[in-house]
Protein backbone atom coordinates (compact mmCIF):
# COMPACT_ATOMS: atom_id res chain seq x y z
CA MET A 1 18.08 11.87 4.97
CA SER A 2 18.34 8.23 4.08
CA ILE A 3 15.54 5.78 4.77
CA ASP A 4 17.57 4.40 7.66
CA LEU A 5 15.86 5.70 10.77
CA THR A 6 16.92 5.60 14.37
CA ALA A 7 14.86 3.56 16.81
CA GLY A 8 13.46 6.81 18.21
CA GLN A 9 12.39 8.02 14.77
CA LYS A 10 10.70 4.70 13.99
CA LYS A 11 8.88 4.79 17.31
CA GLN A 12 7.72 8.38 16.71
CA LEU A 13 6.48 7.57 13.17
CA VAL A 14 4.52 4.57 14.45
CA LYS A 15 2.99 6.81 17.12
CA ILE A 16 2.01 9.40 14.49
CA LEU A 17 0.45 6.80 12.18
CA LYS A 18 -1.51 5.36 15.13
CA GLN A 19 -2.75 8.83 16.10
CA ILE A 20 -3.88 9.48 12.54
CA SER A 21 -5.70 6.14 12.45
CA LEU A 22 -7.48 7.01 15.69
CA GLY A 23 -8.50 10.39 14.27
CA CYS A 24 -10.03 9.02 11.08
CA ASP A 25 -10.75 5.62 9.59
CA LEU A 26 -8.10 5.04 6.93
CA GLU A 27 -7.27 1.64 5.46
CA ALA A 28 -3.67 2.51 4.62
CA LEU A 29 -1.21 5.03 5.99
CA ALA A 30 2.35 5.59 4.86
CA VAL A 31 5.34 7.85 4.96
CA VAL A 32 7.52 7.70 1.86
CA ASN A 33 10.52 9.70 0.74
CA ALA A 34 10.50 11.97 -2.31
CA GLU A 35 11.78 9.12 -4.50
CA GLY A 36 8.81 6.96 -3.53
CA ILE A 37 10.62 4.60 -1.16
CA LYS A 38 8.56 3.43 1.81
CA VAL A 39 9.77 4.71 5.18
CA ALA A 40 6.79 3.65 7.33
CA PHE A 41 3.59 1.82 6.40
CA PHE A 42 0.36 0.58 7.96
CA SER A 43 -2.49 -1.21 6.18
CA GLU A 44 -5.59 -3.08 7.30
CA LYS A 45 -6.72 -4.26 3.87
CA GLY A 46 -3.60 -5.61 2.18
CA THR A 47 -2.65 -2.50 0.20
CA ASP A 48 0.61 -2.92 -1.75
CA PRO A 49 3.02 -0.54 0.02
CA ASP A 50 5.48 -0.38 -2.89
CA LEU A 51 2.80 0.53 -5.42
CA LEU A 52 1.24 3.11 -3.10
CA SER A 53 4.66 4.66 -2.44
CA ALA A 54 5.82 4.88 -6.05
CA VAL A 55 2.56 6.21 -7.46
CA SER A 56 2.20 8.74 -4.64
CA SER A 57 5.65 10.17 -5.29
CA ALA A 58 4.86 10.75 -8.95
CA VAL A 59 1.48 12.35 -8.19
CA LEU A 60 2.87 14.65 -5.51
CA SER A 61 5.67 15.75 -7.83
CA THR A 62 3.10 16.66 -10.48
CA GLY A 63 1.00 18.52 -7.91
CA LYS A 64 4.00 20.58 -6.82
CA MET A 65 4.73 21.48 -10.44
CA VAL A 66 1.11 22.58 -10.99
CA THR A 67 0.95 24.77 -7.88
CA LYS A 68 4.30 26.34 -8.73
CA ASN A 69 3.45 27.05 -12.39
CA LEU A 70 0.00 28.43 -11.53
CA GLU A 71 1.44 30.44 -8.62
CA HIS A 72 -0.84 28.84 -6.03
CA GLY A 73 1.82 28.85 -3.31
CA ASP A 74 3.23 25.80 -1.58
CA LEU A 75 1.39 22.53 -2.13
CA GLU A 76 -0.48 21.36 0.98
CA LEU A 77 -2.52 18.34 -0.09
CA VAL A 78 -3.39 16.28 -3.14
CA LEU A 79 -6.72 14.47 -3.10
CA ILE A 80 -7.32 11.63 -5.53
CA ARG A 81 -10.93 10.48 -5.41
CA GLY A 82 -12.42 7.63 -7.35
CA GLU A 83 -15.86 6.08 -7.32
CA GLU A 84 -14.80 3.57 -4.68
CA GLY A 85 -12.22 5.36 -2.54
CA PHE A 86 -9.70 8.13 -2.12
CA THR A 87 -6.04 8.80 -1.41
CA ILE A 88 -4.67 11.91 0.26
CA LEU A 89 -1.05 12.97 -0.17
CA ALA A 90 0.52 15.65 2.01
CA GLY A 91 4.00 17.03 1.48
CA ALA A 92 6.09 16.68 4.64
CA ALA A 93 9.34 18.46 3.70
CA ASN A 94 11.40 15.76 1.95
CA HIS A 95 8.76 13.09 2.55
CA ILE A 96 5.10 12.36 1.79
CA LEU A 97 2.40 11.48 4.31
CA ILE A 98 -0.26 9.31 2.66
CA GLY A 99 -3.70 8.12 3.74
CA ALA A 100 -6.13 5.99 1.74
CA SER A 101 -9.61 4.60 2.30
CA ARG A 102 -12.70 3.26 0.53
CA ASP A 103 -15.02 5.17 2.89
CA LEU A 104 -15.90 8.24 0.81
CA HIS A 105 -17.83 9.78 3.71
CA ASN A 106 -14.52 10.22 5.51
CA VAL A 107 -12.70 12.47 2.99
CA GLY A 108 -13.03 15.84 4.73
CA LEU A 109 -12.09 14.53 8.16
CA ALA A 110 -9.16 12.57 6.74
CA MET A 111 -7.81 15.69 5.01
CA GLN A 112 -7.94 17.65 8.26
CA VAL A 113 -6.32 14.92 10.34
CA ILE A 114 -3.50 14.26 7.88
CA LYS A 115 -2.76 17.97 7.51
CA ARG A 116 -2.65 18.30 11.31
CA TYR A 117 0.09 15.64 11.57
CA VAL A 118 2.40 16.94 8.83
CA PRO A 119 4.50 19.11 11.22
CA GLU A 120 4.98 16.20 13.64
CA THR A 121 5.99 13.94 10.74
CA ILE A 122 8.57 16.47 9.56
CA GLU A 123 9.94 16.76 13.10
CA ALA A 124 10.12 12.99 13.58
CA LEU A 125 12.04 12.58 10.33
CA GLY A 126 14.42 15.45 11.07
CA ASP A 127 13.48 17.20 7.81
CA ASN A 128 13.50 20.72 9.24
């Protein structure tokens, strides 16, 4: 699927990102394609969407390679945690659902909420 979305798809993605933001306090949320091109993006703190998209694509690709080579099954989530924040990447068929925050107390909840919305993201994008 190209990054050109119908009005209905855009509306559904915005709804999903809003629901995720209500479920946990994330500073940035995004949906990007496998090549790292931004499809949908939301940020409260001025996060660079292009940088977040490109880096996330590379990290998720590496994570998929690791889980495949170590026979861990399909990749569900990648968590990148630093001293001052975290980023969660979830594979959503041909896309990536991303959430980032500086609130380290929120990691577990954020992982659960993002994982919960992966199927809806796949459906909205038509990636079945």
